[in-house]
Amino acid sequence: MLMCNKFAVFINYNIDIKCNTEVADMRKFKIPKIPQTTNKSIRFPNDVIDEVETALVGTDCTFSAFVVEAVRVALDNLKEDEEN
């Protein structure tokens, strides 16, 4: 039985792969385009940095990729709240 909701694969950018417990959709492979990025400098509390770095130990995820995914999830949550 396949049991997953959503996970992200990091290959220089994020790819969302949706996993359906009934039937997994097969998509045709396309060479992805790397999204345009802008360098943004922000300050984090030291305890947040420590927690993120601890969570990333043993993964292939970078600090930046983690923050980008967290911001995307937060934005999705805001959109869902606006719709309800």
C-alpha atoms as a PDB file:
ATOM      1  CA  MET A   1       0.000   0.000   0.000  1.00  0.00           C
ATOM      2  CA  LEU A   2       1.407   3.405  -1.007  1.00  0.00           C
ATOM      3  CA  MET A   3       1.230   5.897   1.863  1.00  0.00           C
ATOM      4  CA  CYS A   4       2.403   9.434   1.119  1.00  0.00           C
ATOM      5  CA  ASN A   5       0.880  12.854   0.791  1.00  0.00           C
ATOM      6  CA  LYS A   6       3.505  15.067  -0.798  1.00  0.00           C
ATOM      7  CA  PHE A   7       7.261  15.276  -0.883  1.00  0.00           C
ATOM      8  CA  ALA A   8       9.795  17.467  -2.626  1.00  0.00           C
ATOM      9  CA  VAL A   9      12.771  16.432  -4.674  1.00  0.00           C
ATOM     10  CA  PHE A  10      15.592  18.918  -4.737  1.00  0.00           C
ATOM     11  CA  ILE A  11      17.604  19.035  -7.985  1.00  0.00           C
ATOM     12  CA  ASN A  12      18.773  22.674  -8.018  1.00  0.00           C
ATOM     13  CA  TYR A  13      15.099  23.573  -7.622  1.00  0.00           C
ATOM     14  CA  ASN A  14      11.959  22.049  -6.140  1.00  0.00           C
ATOM     15  CA  ILE A  15       9.716  19.607  -7.979  1.00  0.00           C
ATOM     16  CA  ASP A  16       6.420  18.786  -6.305  1.00  0.00           C
ATOM     17  CA  ILE A  17       5.420  15.177  -6.814  1.00  0.00           C
ATOM     18  CA  LYS A  18       1.932  14.243  -5.761  1.00  0.00           C
ATOM     19  CA  CYS A  19       1.429  10.694  -4.593  1.00  0.00           C
ATOM     20  CA  ASN A  20      -2.054   9.178  -4.883  1.00  0.00           C
ATOM     21  CA  THR A  21      -2.886   6.120  -2.770  1.00  0.00           C
ATOM     22  CA  GLU A  22      -5.055   4.673  -5.567  1.00  0.00           C
ATOM     23  CA  VAL A  23      -3.170   5.324  -8.813  1.00  0.00           C
ATOM     24  CA  ALA A  24       0.089   7.225  -9.257  1.00  0.00           C
ATOM     25  CA  ASP A  25      -0.100   9.559 -12.282  1.00  0.00           C
ATOM     26  CA  MET A  26       2.638   9.017 -14.831  1.00  0.00           C
ATOM     27  CA  ARG A  27       3.865  12.239 -16.387  1.00  0.00           C
ATOM     28  CA  LYS A  28       6.041  12.498 -19.459  1.00  0.00           C
ATOM     29  CA  PHE A  29       9.566  13.595 -18.570  1.00  0.00           C
ATOM     30  CA  LYS A  30      10.508  17.092 -19.696  1.00  0.00           C
ATOM     31  CA  ILE A  31      13.883  18.704 -19.202  1.00  0.00           C
ATOM     32  CA  PRO A  32      13.120  21.223 -16.452  1.00  0.00           C
ATOM     33  CA  LYS A  33      13.920  24.891 -16.600  1.00  0.00           C
ATOM     34  CA  ILE A  34      15.778  26.280 -13.616  1.00  0.00           C
ATOM     35  CA  PRO A  35      13.668  29.105 -12.195  1.00  0.00           C
ATOM     36  CA  GLN A  36      15.098  32.585 -12.138  1.00  0.00           C
ATOM     37  CA  THR A  37      16.323  33.524  -8.662  1.00  0.00           C
ATOM     38  CA  THR A  38      17.222  36.670  -6.783  1.00  0.00           C
ATOM     39  CA  ASN A  39      19.645  36.832  -3.889  1.00  0.00           C
ATOM     40  CA  LYS A  40      17.854  38.086  -0.770  1.00  0.00           C
ATOM     41  CA  SER A  41      19.627  38.622   2.526  1.00  0.00           C
ATOM     42  CA  ILE A  42      17.503  38.126   5.655  1.00  0.00           C
ATOM     43  CA  ARG A  43      18.268  37.718   9.347  1.00  0.00           C
ATOM     44  CA  PHE A  44      17.248  34.610  11.262  1.00  0.00           C
ATOM     45  CA  PRO A  45      17.244  34.169  15.029  1.00  0.00           C
ATOM     46  CA  ASN A  46      20.154  31.895  15.974  1.00  0.00           C
ATOM     47  CA  ASP A  47      17.833  29.304  17.515  1.00  0.00           C
ATOM     48  CA  VAL A  48      15.892  28.982  14.236  1.00  0.00           C
ATOM     49  CA  ILE A  49      19.122  28.509  12.280  1.00  0.00           C
ATOM     50  CA  ASP A  50      20.215  25.824  14.741  1.00  0.00           C
ATOM     51  CA  GLU A  51      16.883  23.986  14.452  1.00  0.00           C
ATOM     52  CA  VAL A  52      16.878  24.083  10.646  1.00  0.00           C
ATOM     53  CA  GLU A  53      20.487  22.926  10.415  1.00  0.00           C
ATOM     54  CA  THR A  54      19.730  20.082  12.835  1.00  0.00           C
ATOM     55  CA  ALA A  55      16.713  19.048  10.729  1.00  0.00           C
ATOM     56  CA  LEU A  56      18.880  19.008   7.589  1.00  0.00           C
ATOM     57  CA  VAL A  57      21.595  16.721   8.958  1.00  0.00           C
ATOM     58  CA  GLY A  58      21.857  13.641   6.760  1.00  0.00           C
ATOM     59  CA  THR A  59      19.721  15.082   3.948  1.00  0.00           C
ATOM     60  CA  ASP A  60      20.625  16.481   0.527  1.00  0.00           C
ATOM     61  CA  CYS A  61      18.558  19.574   1.258  1.00  0.00           C
ATOM     62  CA  THR A  62      20.256  22.956   1.535  1.00  0.00           C
ATOM     63  CA  PHE A  63      19.300  25.664   4.001  1.00  0.00           C
ATOM     64  CA  SER A  64      18.026  27.806   1.114  1.00  0.00           C
ATOM     65  CA  ALA A  65      15.925  25.006  -0.376  1.00  0.00           C
ATOM     66  CA  PHE A  66      14.422  24.330   3.058  1.00  0.00           C
ATOM     67  CA  VAL A  67      13.497  28.000   3.521  1.00  0.00           C
ATOM     68  CA  VAL A  68      12.052  28.277   0.007  1.00  0.00           C
ATOM     69  CA  GLU A  69       9.850  25.211   0.574  1.00  0.00           C
ATOM     70  CA  ALA A  70       8.756  26.508   3.995  1.00  0.00           C
ATOM     71  CA  VAL A  71       7.775  29.861   2.473  1.00  0.00           C
ATOM     72  CA  ARG A  72       5.862  28.116  -0.334  1.00  0.00           C
ATOM     73  CA  VAL A  73       3.924  26.037   2.200  1.00  0.00           C
ATOM     74  CA  ALA A  74       3.191  29.165   4.254  1.00  0.00           C
ATOM     75  CA  LEU A  75       1.919  30.991   1.146  1.00  0.00           C
ATOM     76  CA  ASP A  76      -0.282  28.005   0.214  1.00  0.00           C
ATOM     77  CA  ASN A  77      -1.683  28.003   3.759  1.00  0.00           C
ATOM     78  CA  LEU A  78      -2.492  31.712   3.495  1.00  0.00           C
ATOM     79  CA  LYS A  79      -4.278  31.148   0.178  1.00  0.00           C
ATOM     80  CA  GLU A  80      -6.299  28.304   1.691  1.00  0.00           C
ATOM     81  CA  ASP A  81      -7.248  30.501   4.665  1.00  0.00           C
ATOM     82  CA  GLU A  82      -8.397  33.270   2.289  1.00  0.00           C
ATOM     83  CA  GLU A  83     -10.561  30.799   0.354  1.00  0.00           C
ATOM     84  CA  ASN A  84     -12.300  29.538   3.520  1.00  0.00           C
END
